[in-house]
Amino acid sequence: MGKGPFSLRRTSSRRRSKKPAEMPLIPAVVSPSDGADNSIAAMVAASKPKKKAGGARLWMRFDRSGQSELIECDKSMIIKRASIPARDLRILGPVFSHSSSILAREKAMVVNLEFIKAIVTAEEVLLLDPLRQEVLPFVDQLRQQLPNRSPTKLLQVAHENETHFSTAGQWLPVPEAVDGLHAELPFEFQVLEIALEVVCSYLDASVADLETDAYPVLDELAMNVSTKNLEHVRSLKSNLTRLLARVQKVRDELEHLLDDNEDMEHLYLTRKWIQNQQTEALLGAVASNSMTSAAPHLRRLSSTRSGSVITSNYMNDHDVEDLEMLLEAYFMQLDGTRNKILSVREYIDDTEDYVNIQLDNQRNELIQLQLTLTIASFAIAVETLVAGLFGMNIPCTLYNTDGIFGLFVGVLTASCIMLFLLVLGYARWKKLLGS
């Protein structure tokens, strides 16, 4: 029994030693008014002296007001903070770096569009690898647009309405709440719009560069078929195929969302957040009331619930419509980008067909030349045969005739030429040779 306290102390000290240490935050808070170059340089300078802990990765956090900071978090912290399953972080990993997906979760939206890998909640954005060269334009757009488009005032009004209800027992009329909610896009839709804008702009720029490089190379190939030009076209087709696959993945993901209204409804995180706030305020107001004033509050509770249901239904229809319009706009833009790539591919196919026609024509010319030479060889072979026959040591009366050699050779040559022309004419008559 005397060893009990010591064992308890050892257990408690062992438990204290096993307590995980919190991940350090990099003190690099950036205000929206700062310049993009200075802010990015400050982030890089702040992140250099810090060594990443085991399993920790660099994230950038944006809130509704546009304030940002660099943090280092491991998977467990991100899962706990965003309330997402671990498989969603694997989607954001390097294995699925070239895939595109937009996943709706209970309290977050997982965005994996090309190089943009982010976790969006109703209150903040967690951006993975924010210092990559491709991600910097997205960071700049978030820093520039979020302060101007943030619905912070709207949320303050909603909070004041909840406080007013909890103290005075009244509720804001439904039309005013709905008009205020639809004055601006929700925070998560603003982030999604910026991400789609950056990705579509990047893909459009890539297609423009592809077109700039493609058409001169194809025109050069049409004029001069060479190994160098063929190698350029082969590399061009490889780049086109990869770019088309990337555009197609993003387009298919938007099309999948547009085909499913339920998925689009789940993407409205702000609505869920506001409904949770209203429910908490409602429960708090009901719990704080005394038993003597239960009946008036129950009447207000029923009217409040009906107003909340009406507001929720109104918000559902219009919020899905707003998201549908947003996705349709970028779907059409991606469809136009895809059509540009397909037009380049069609131009490549047309050029290849033209080159093949040229090669077939040259092959036909070579065959005609070979046929002509074969006919000429046949005529010369006949003349050689006759000369060989007369070159034998056989008695012949023509040998004793004076001046017969020149006449014989002339007649034999003329006969061979006539034979050549006859066979050549027959080949042209059968259209074996061109005119």
Protein backbone atom coordinates (compact mmCIF):
# COMPACT_ATOMS: atom_id res chain seq x y z
CA MET A 1 0.00 0.00 0.00
CA GLY A 2 2.92 2.35 0.51
CA LYS A 3 3.80 2.28 -3.17
CA GLY A 4 0.42 3.56 -4.28
CA PRO A 5 1.16 7.33 -4.29
CA PHE A 6 4.46 6.83 -6.06
CA SER A 7 2.80 4.74 -8.75
CA LEU A 8 0.13 7.42 -9.15
CA ARG A 9 2.78 10.11 -9.50
CA ARG A 10 4.66 8.10 -12.07
CA THR A 11 1.44 7.53 -14.01
CA SER A 12 0.47 11.18 -13.95
CA SER A 13 3.96 12.32 -14.94
CA ARG A 14 3.99 9.75 -17.73
CA ARG A 15 0.63 11.00 -18.93
CA ARG A 16 1.86 14.59 -18.83
CA SER A 17 4.89 13.64 -20.86
CA LYS A 18 2.74 11.96 -23.51
CA LYS A 19 0.62 15.06 -24.01
CA PRO A 20 1.17 16.22 -27.61
CA ALA A 21 2.72 19.60 -28.02
CA GLU A 22 0.82 22.14 -30.04
CA MET A 23 2.13 22.89 -33.52
CA PRO A 24 3.76 26.32 -33.69
CA LEU A 25 2.12 29.01 -35.72
CA ILE A 26 4.29 31.02 -38.04
CA PRO A 27 3.81 34.68 -37.10
CA ALA A 28 3.09 35.93 -40.58
CA VAL A 29 -0.28 37.65 -40.39
CA VAL A 30 -0.85 39.62 -43.57
CA SER A 31 -3.28 42.49 -43.85
CA PRO A 32 -5.24 42.96 -47.06
CA SER A 33 -3.83 46.42 -47.66
CA ASP A 34 -0.25 45.21 -47.92
CA GLY A 35 1.34 44.71 -51.32
CA ALA A 36 1.33 41.23 -52.79
CA ASP A 37 5.07 41.08 -53.35
CA ASN A 38 5.97 42.31 -49.87
CA SER A 39 3.48 39.97 -48.20
CA ILE A 40 4.67 36.92 -50.09
CA ALA A 41 8.29 37.79 -49.40
CA ALA A 42 7.47 38.18 -45.72
CA MET A 43 5.75 34.78 -45.69
CA VAL A 44 8.72 33.12 -47.32
CA ALA A 45 11.12 34.80 -44.91
CA ALA A 46 8.97 33.78 -41.96
CA SER A 47 8.68 30.19 -43.08
CA LYS A 48 12.37 29.62 -43.81
CA PRO A 49 13.76 29.55 -40.27
CA LYS A 50 11.08 27.12 -39.09
CA LYS A 51 11.63 23.42 -39.55
CA LYS A 52 8.55 21.36 -40.26
CA ALA A 53 7.71 18.77 -37.69
CA GLY A 54 7.19 15.20 -38.69
CA GLY A 55 4.09 14.92 -40.86
CA ALA A 56 3.35 18.65 -40.70
CA ARG A 57 2.70 20.59 -43.89
CA LEU A 58 2.52 24.27 -44.67
CA TRP A 59 -0.97 25.77 -44.84
CA MET A 60 -2.29 29.29 -45.26
CA ARG A 61 -5.40 30.33 -43.38
CA PHE A 62 -7.78 33.02 -44.68
CA ASP A 63 -10.72 34.26 -42.66
CA ARG A 64 -13.80 36.13 -43.84
CA SER A 65 -12.19 39.55 -43.55
CA GLY A 66 -9.23 38.57 -45.75
CA GLN A 67 -6.70 38.23 -42.92
CA SER A 68 -4.17 35.48 -43.61
CA GLU A 69 -1.47 33.62 -41.76
CA LEU A 70 0.91 30.77 -42.45
CA ILE A 71 0.60 27.74 -40.18
CA GLU A 72 2.13 24.30 -39.99
CA CYS A 73 -0.36 21.55 -39.19
CA ASP A 74 -0.34 17.81 -39.35
CA LYS A 75 -3.22 15.65 -40.56
CA SER A 76 -4.79 15.17 -37.15
CA MET A 77 -5.03 18.91 -36.52
CA ILE A 78 -6.59 19.55 -39.92
CA ILE A 79 -9.08 16.70 -39.46
CA LYS A 80 -10.09 18.01 -36.05
CA ARG A 81 -10.26 21.61 -37.19
CA ALA A 82 -12.28 21.09 -40.37
CA SER A 83 -14.24 18.00 -39.25
CA ILE A 84 -13.40 16.01 -42.37
CA PRO A 85 -12.45 12.33 -42.78
CA ALA A 86 -8.84 11.32 -43.32
CA ARG A 87 -9.50 10.15 -46.89
CA ASP A 88 -10.20 13.74 -47.92
CA LEU A 89 -6.64 14.68 -46.99
CA ARG A 90 -5.40 11.83 -49.15
CA ILE A 91 -7.34 13.36 -52.02
CA LEU A 92 -5.35 16.55 -51.46
CA GLY A 93 -2.09 14.58 -51.45
CA PRO A 94 0.42 14.19 -54.28
CA VAL A 95 -1.10 10.91 -55.47
CA PHE A 96 -4.21 12.75 -56.71
CA SER A 97 -2.35 15.86 -57.80
CA HIS A 98 -3.81 15.80 -61.31
CA SER A 99 -7.38 14.96 -60.31
CA SER A 100 -10.19 17.49 -59.83
CA SER A 101 -12.91 17.15 -57.24
CA ILE A 102 -15.23 19.31 -55.14
CA LEU A 103 -16.53 17.40 -52.12
CA ALA A 104 -19.21 18.58 -49.70
CA ARG A 105 -18.89 17.59 -46.06
CA GLU A 106 -20.91 18.45 -42.98
CA LYS A 107 -18.86 21.52 -42.00
CA ALA A 108 -16.39 21.92 -44.84
CA MET A 109 -15.90 21.78 -48.58
CA VAL A 110 -12.83 20.01 -49.98
CA VAL A 111 -11.61 21.68 -53.17
CA ASN A 112 -9.03 19.95 -55.34
CA LEU A 113 -8.81 21.81 -58.65
CA GLU A 114 -5.53 21.38 -60.48
CA PHE A 115 -2.92 23.06 -58.27
CA ILE A 116 -5.46 24.57 -55.83
CA LYS A 117 -5.93 22.31 -52.83
CA ALA A 118 -8.02 23.89 -50.11
CA ILE A 119 -10.45 23.13 -47.31
CA VAL A 120 -13.23 25.72 -47.10
CA THR A 121 -15.48 26.16 -44.08
CA ALA A 122 -18.12 28.76 -43.33
CA GLU A 123 -15.56 30.90 -41.50
CA GLU A 124 -12.13 30.25 -43.02
CA VAL A 125 -10.07 28.76 -45.84
CA LEU A 126 -7.12 26.42 -45.34
CA LEU A 127 -4.89 26.44 -48.43
CA LEU A 128 -2.24 23.75 -48.89
CA ASP A 129 1.23 24.66 -50.22
CA PRO A 130 0.48 28.38 -50.63
CA LEU A 131 4.03 29.30 -51.70
CA ARG A 132 3.96 27.32 -54.94
CA GLN A 133 4.37 29.41 -58.04
CA GLU A 134 1.03 28.29 -59.47
CA VAL A 135 -0.86 28.97 -56.23
CA LEU A 136 0.39 32.54 -55.72
CA PRO A 137 -2.22 34.10 -58.07
CA PHE A 138 -4.96 32.40 -56.07
CA VAL A 139 -3.48 33.77 -52.85
CA ASP A 140 -3.38 37.28 -54.33
CA GLN A 141 -6.99 37.03 -55.50
CA LEU A 142 -8.14 35.89 -52.07
CA ARG A 143 -6.28 38.75 -50.42
CA GLN A 144 -7.71 41.31 -52.82
CA GLN A 145 -11.32 40.17 -53.15
CA LEU A 146 -12.28 38.73 -49.79
CA PRO A 147 -12.13 42.04 -47.86
CA ASN A 148 -14.31 43.72 -50.52
CA ARG A 149 -16.84 40.91 -50.83
CA SER A 150 -16.91 39.56 -47.27
CA PRO A 151 -20.43 39.38 -45.78
CA THR A 152 -19.20 40.22 -42.27
CA LYS A 153 -21.79 42.93 -41.81
CA LEU A 154 -24.51 40.51 -42.79
CA LEU A 155 -23.37 38.02 -40.18
CA GLN A 156 -23.24 40.78 -37.57
CA VAL A 157 -26.81 41.71 -38.43
CA ALA A 158 -27.85 38.08 -38.09
CA HIS A 159 -26.07 37.86 -34.75
CA GLU A 160 -27.78 41.02 -33.55
CA ASN A 161 -31.12 39.58 -34.62
CA GLU A 162 -30.42 36.42 -32.62
CA THR A 163 -29.42 38.51 -29.59
CA HIS A 164 -32.50 40.64 -29.99
CA PHE A 165 -34.66 37.55 -30.04
CA SER A 166 -33.00 36.07 -27.00
CA THR A 167 -33.45 39.27 -24.96
CA ALA A 168 -36.72 40.78 -26.15
CA GLY A 169 -38.37 37.65 -27.47
CA GLN A 170 -38.86 38.93 -31.04
CA TRP A 171 -37.68 37.74 -34.44
CA LEU A 172 -36.55 39.61 -37.54
CA PRO A 173 -39.12 39.47 -40.38
CA VAL A 174 -38.43 36.84 -42.99
CA PRO A 175 -38.18 39.10 -46.12
CA GLU A 176 -35.53 41.35 -44.57
CA ALA A 177 -33.41 38.37 -43.53
CA VAL A 178 -33.66 36.80 -46.95
CA ASP A 179 -32.81 40.03 -48.76
CA GLY A 180 -29.76 40.48 -46.57
CA LEU A 181 -28.63 36.89 -47.08
CA HIS A 182 -28.83 37.22 -50.86
CA ALA A 183 -27.07 40.58 -51.07
CA GLU A 184 -23.77 38.72 -51.34
CA LEU A 185 -22.68 35.22 -52.23
CA PRO A 186 -21.82 33.06 -49.23
CA PHE A 187 -18.22 32.97 -48.15
CA GLU A 188 -17.59 29.44 -49.43
CA PHE A 189 -19.08 30.30 -52.83
CA GLN A 190 -16.86 33.37 -53.08
CA VAL A 191 -13.80 31.20 -52.45
CA LEU A 192 -15.05 28.61 -54.95
CA GLU A 193 -15.64 31.33 -57.54
CA ILE A 194 -12.12 32.71 -57.07
CA ALA A 195 -10.65 29.21 -57.34
CA LEU A 196 -12.59 28.47 -60.53
CA GLU A 197 -11.61 31.84 -61.96
CA VAL A 198 -7.91 31.23 -61.31
CA VAL A 199 -8.02 27.68 -62.67
CA CYS A 200 -9.98 28.66 -65.78
CA SER A 201 -7.64 31.60 -66.42
CA TYR A 202 -4.64 29.30 -66.06
CA LEU A 203 -6.12 26.75 -68.45
CA ASP A 204 -7.07 29.49 -70.93
CA ALA A 205 -3.52 30.84 -70.82
CA SER A 206 -2.14 27.34 -71.36
CA VAL A 207 -4.43 26.86 -74.37
CA ALA A 208 -3.40 30.25 -75.76
CA ASP A 209 0.27 29.29 -75.46
CA LEU A 210 -0.52 25.98 -77.11
CA GLU A 211 -2.23 27.71 -80.02
CA THR A 212 0.66 30.15 -80.37
CA ASP A 213 3.13 27.27 -80.63
CA ALA A 214 0.92 24.92 -82.64
CA TYR A 215 -0.10 26.83 -85.74
CA PRO A 216 3.39 27.92 -86.91
CA VAL A 217 4.76 24.40 -86.37
CA LEU A 218 1.88 22.85 -88.29
CA ASP A 219 2.24 25.33 -91.16
CA GLU A 220 5.95 24.60 -91.31
CA LEU A 221 5.24 20.87 -91.42
CA ALA A 222 2.76 21.36 -94.24
CA MET A 223 5.43 23.14 -96.28
CA ASN A 224 8.36 20.94 -95.36
CA VAL A 225 7.98 17.39 -94.08
CA SER A 226 11.13 16.71 -92.11
CA THR A 227 12.15 14.72 -89.06
CA LYS A 228 12.57 17.88 -86.99
CA ASN A 229 9.09 19.16 -87.80
CA LEU A 230 7.55 15.75 -87.16
CA GLU A 231 9.23 15.65 -83.73
CA HIS A 232 7.79 19.09 -82.91
CA VAL A 233 4.31 17.95 -83.89
CA ARG A 234 4.64 14.78 -81.80
CA SER A 235 5.59 16.84 -78.73
CA LEU A 236 2.74 19.22 -79.49
CA LYS A 237 0.20 16.39 -79.61
CA SER A 238 1.44 15.05 -76.27
CA ASN A 239 1.00 18.45 -74.61
CA LEU A 240 -2.43 18.82 -76.19
CA THR A 241 -3.57 15.44 -74.90
CA ARG A 242 -2.45 16.23 -71.35
CA LEU A 243 -4.06 19.67 -71.41
CA LEU A 244 -7.31 18.27 -72.79
CA ALA A 245 -7.41 15.68 -70.01
CA ARG A 246 -6.93 18.37 -67.36
CA VAL A 247 -9.67 20.57 -68.80
CA GLN A 248 -11.96 17.58 -69.16
CA LYS A 249 -11.52 16.59 -65.51
CA VAL A 250 -12.51 20.02 -64.21
CA ARG A 251 -15.40 20.21 -66.67
CA ASP A 252 -16.67 16.76 -65.69
CA GLU A 253 -16.58 17.69 -62.01
CA LEU A 254 -18.67 20.81 -62.60
CA GLU A 255 -21.06 18.83 -64.76
CA HIS A 256 -21.40 16.23 -61.99
CA LEU A 257 -22.34 18.96 -59.50
CA LEU A 258 -24.80 20.58 -61.90
CA ASP A 259 -26.56 17.26 -62.40
CA ASP A 260 -27.12 16.74 -58.67
CA ASN A 261 -29.09 19.41 -56.78
CA GLU A 262 -28.55 17.61 -53.49
CA ASP A 263 -24.79 17.91 -53.77
CA MET A 264 -25.12 21.61 -54.55
CA GLU A 265 -27.36 22.06 -51.53
CA HIS A 266 -24.77 20.38 -49.29
CA LEU A 267 -22.16 22.87 -50.48
CA TYR A 268 -24.01 25.74 -48.77
CA LEU A 269 -22.01 25.79 -45.55
CA THR A 270 -23.10 29.29 -44.48
CA ARG A 271 -26.74 28.23 -44.42
CA LYS A 272 -25.90 25.33 -42.10
CA TRP A 273 -23.83 27.64 -39.91
CA ILE A 274 -26.62 30.23 -39.66
CA GLN A 275 -29.21 27.57 -38.92
CA ASN A 276 -27.03 26.17 -36.15
CA GLN A 277 -26.61 29.66 -34.68
CA GLN A 278 -30.36 30.25 -34.82
CA THR A 279 -31.04 26.90 -33.17
CA GLU A 280 -28.56 27.60 -30.38
CA ALA A 281 -30.01 31.07 -29.80
CA LEU A 282 -33.53 29.67 -29.82
CA LEU A 283 -32.70 26.94 -27.32
CA GLY A 284 -30.87 29.42 -25.12
CA ALA A 285 -33.80 31.82 -25.15
CA VAL A 286 -36.29 29.08 -24.30
CA ALA A 287 -34.09 27.71 -21.52
CA SER A 288 -33.64 31.15 -19.94
CA ASN A 289 -37.36 31.87 -19.75
CA SER A 290 -39.20 31.28 -16.51
CA MET A 291 -42.10 28.89 -16.10
CA THR A 292 -44.61 31.75 -15.70
CA SER A 293 -43.90 33.16 -19.21
CA ALA A 294 -43.82 29.77 -20.93
CA ALA A 295 -47.08 30.22 -22.89
CA PRO A 296 -46.19 33.54 -24.67
CA HIS A 297 -42.76 32.22 -25.55
CA LEU A 298 -44.23 29.02 -26.91
CA ARG A 299 -46.38 31.09 -29.25
CA ARG A 300 -43.30 33.08 -30.33
CA LEU A 301 -41.41 29.79 -30.65
CA SER A 302 -44.00 28.39 -33.07
CA SER A 303 -43.97 31.60 -35.12
CA THR A 304 -40.18 31.60 -35.10
CA ARG A 305 -40.01 27.99 -36.27
CA SER A 306 -42.45 28.71 -39.08
CA GLY A 307 -40.43 31.77 -40.09
CA SER A 308 -37.23 29.75 -39.97
CA VAL A 309 -38.77 27.03 -42.14
CA ILE A 310 -39.93 29.60 -44.67
CA THR A 311 -36.51 31.26 -44.66
CA SER A 312 -34.76 27.92 -45.04
CA ASN A 313 -36.97 26.89 -47.94
CA TYR A 314 -36.53 30.24 -49.66
CA MET A 315 -32.80 30.13 -49.14
CA ASN A 316 -32.54 26.57 -50.45
CA ASP A 317 -34.15 27.35 -53.79
CA HIS A 318 -32.23 30.56 -54.42
CA ASP A 319 -28.91 29.39 -53.02
CA VAL A 320 -28.96 26.32 -55.24
CA GLU A 321 -29.90 28.58 -58.13
CA ASP A 322 -27.06 30.97 -57.35
CA LEU A 323 -24.57 28.12 -57.16
CA GLU A 324 -26.00 26.62 -60.34
CA MET A 325 -25.56 29.94 -62.17
CA LEU A 326 -22.01 30.22 -60.83
CA LEU A 327 -21.07 26.72 -61.91
CA GLU A 328 -22.78 27.07 -65.28
CA ALA A 329 -20.77 30.20 -66.07
CA TYR A 330 -17.45 28.46 -65.50
CA PHE A 331 -18.74 25.27 -67.10
CA MET A 332 -19.40 27.24 -70.27
CA GLN A 333 -15.96 28.82 -70.03
CA LEU A 334 -14.33 25.41 -69.65
CA ASP A 335 -16.43 24.11 -72.51
CA GLY A 336 -15.12 26.95 -74.67
CA THR A 337 -11.56 26.13 -73.61
CA ARG A 338 -12.18 22.49 -74.48
CA ASN A 339 -13.52 23.50 -77.88
CA LYS A 340 -10.35 25.50 -78.53
CA ILE A 341 -8.25 22.46 -77.75
CA LEU A 342 -10.43 20.31 -79.98
CA SER A 343 -10.08 22.84 -82.79
CA VAL A 344 -6.30 22.67 -82.44
CA ARG A 345 -6.49 18.88 -82.52
CA GLU A 346 -8.66 19.01 -85.63
CA TYR A 347 -6.12 21.34 -87.24
CA ILE A 348 -3.41 18.83 -86.36
CA ASP A 349 -5.46 16.01 -87.86
CA ASP A 350 -6.07 18.05 -91.01
CA THR A 351 -2.37 18.82 -91.28
CA GLU A 352 -1.53 15.14 -90.83
CA ASP A 353 -4.02 14.22 -93.53
CA TYR A 354 -2.51 16.83 -95.84
CA VAL A 355 1.00 15.53 -95.12
CA ASN A 356 -0.16 11.97 -95.76
CA ILE A 357 -1.65 13.06 -99.07
CA GLN A 358 1.63 14.70 -99.98
CA LEU A 359 3.54 11.57 -99.07
CA ASP A 360 1.12 9.40 -101.03
CA ASN A 361 1.53 11.66 -104.03
CA GLN A 362 5.30 11.42 -103.81
CA ARG A 363 5.02 7.66 -103.45
CA ASN A 364 2.85 7.50 -106.56
CA GLU A 365 5.36 9.59 -108.48
CA LEU A 366 8.14 7.24 -107.45
CA ILE A 367 6.06 4.24 -108.57
CA GLN A 368 5.40 5.90 -111.94
CA LEU A 369 9.10 6.64 -112.35
CA GLN A 370 9.92 3.04 -111.48
CA LEU A 371 7.38 1.79 -114.06
CA THR A 372 8.82 4.09 -116.73
CA LEU A 373 12.33 2.89 -116.03
CA THR A 374 11.14 -0.71 -116.16
CA ILE A 375 9.59 -0.19 -119.62
CA ALA A 376 12.80 1.46 -120.84
CA SER A 377 14.84 -1.41 -119.41
CA PHE A 378 12.59 -3.88 -121.26
CA ALA A 379 13.17 -2.12 -124.58
CA ILE A 380 16.93 -1.97 -124.06
CA ALA A 381 16.93 -5.65 -123.05
CA VAL A 382 15.27 -6.57 -126.37
CA GLU A 383 17.93 -4.66 -128.30
CA THR A 384 20.65 -6.30 -126.24
CA LEU A 385 19.14 -9.70 -126.95
CA VAL A 386 19.23 -9.14 -130.71
CA ALA A 387 22.81 -7.84 -130.54
CA GLY A 388 23.79 -10.86 -128.49
CA LEU A 389 22.28 -13.23 -131.03
CA PHE A 390 24.27 -11.66 -133.84
CA GLY A 391 27.42 -11.70 -131.72
CA MET A 392 27.54 -15.50 -131.74
CA ASN A 393 30.07 -17.33 -133.91
CA ILE A 394 27.42 -18.62 -136.36
CA PRO A 395 27.71 -18.37 -140.16
CA CYS A 396 25.38 -15.68 -141.56
CA THR A 397 25.08 -14.12 -145.05
CA LEU A 398 24.65 -10.64 -143.57
CA TYR A 399 28.23 -10.68 -142.44
CA ASN A 400 29.36 -10.53 -146.08
CA THR A 401 27.11 -7.60 -147.03
CA ASP A 402 28.90 -4.26 -147.15
CA GLY A 403 27.35 -1.30 -145.19
CA ILE A 404 24.74 -3.45 -143.49
CA PHE A 405 25.97 -2.77 -139.93
CA GLY A 406 24.86 0.85 -139.67
CA LEU A 407 21.49 0.16 -141.23
CA PHE A 408 20.93 -2.83 -138.97
CA VAL A 409 21.82 -0.95 -135.82
CA GLY A 410 19.56 2.00 -136.79
CA VAL A 411 16.58 -0.23 -137.53
CA LEU A 412 17.09 -2.18 -134.31
CA THR A 413 17.31 1.00 -132.20
CA ALA A 414 14.24 2.48 -133.86
CA SER A 415 12.33 -0.74 -133.23
CA CYS A 416 13.27 -0.69 -129.53
CA ILE A 417 12.16 2.95 -129.23
CA MET A 418 8.85 2.11 -130.86
CA LEU A 419 8.43 -0.80 -128.45
CA PHE A 420 9.10 1.52 -125.50
CA LEU A 421 6.55 4.04 -126.74
CA LEU A 422 3.95 1.35 -127.36
CA VAL A 423 4.28 -0.11 -123.85
CA LEU A 424 4.30 3.39 -122.33
CA GLY A 425 1.15 4.31 -124.25
CA TYR A 426 -0.54 1.12 -123.09
CA ALA A 427 0.31 1.99 -119.46
CA ARG A 428 -1.15 5.47 -119.88
CA TRP A 429 -4.25 4.03 -121.56
CA LYS A 430 -4.76 1.76 -118.54
CA LYS A 431 -4.15 4.83 -116.29
CA LEU A 432 -1.16 3.20 -114.70
CA LEU A 433 0.81 6.39 -115.39
CA GLY A 434 -0.25 9.99 -114.98
CA SER A 435 -0.62 12.30 -117.93
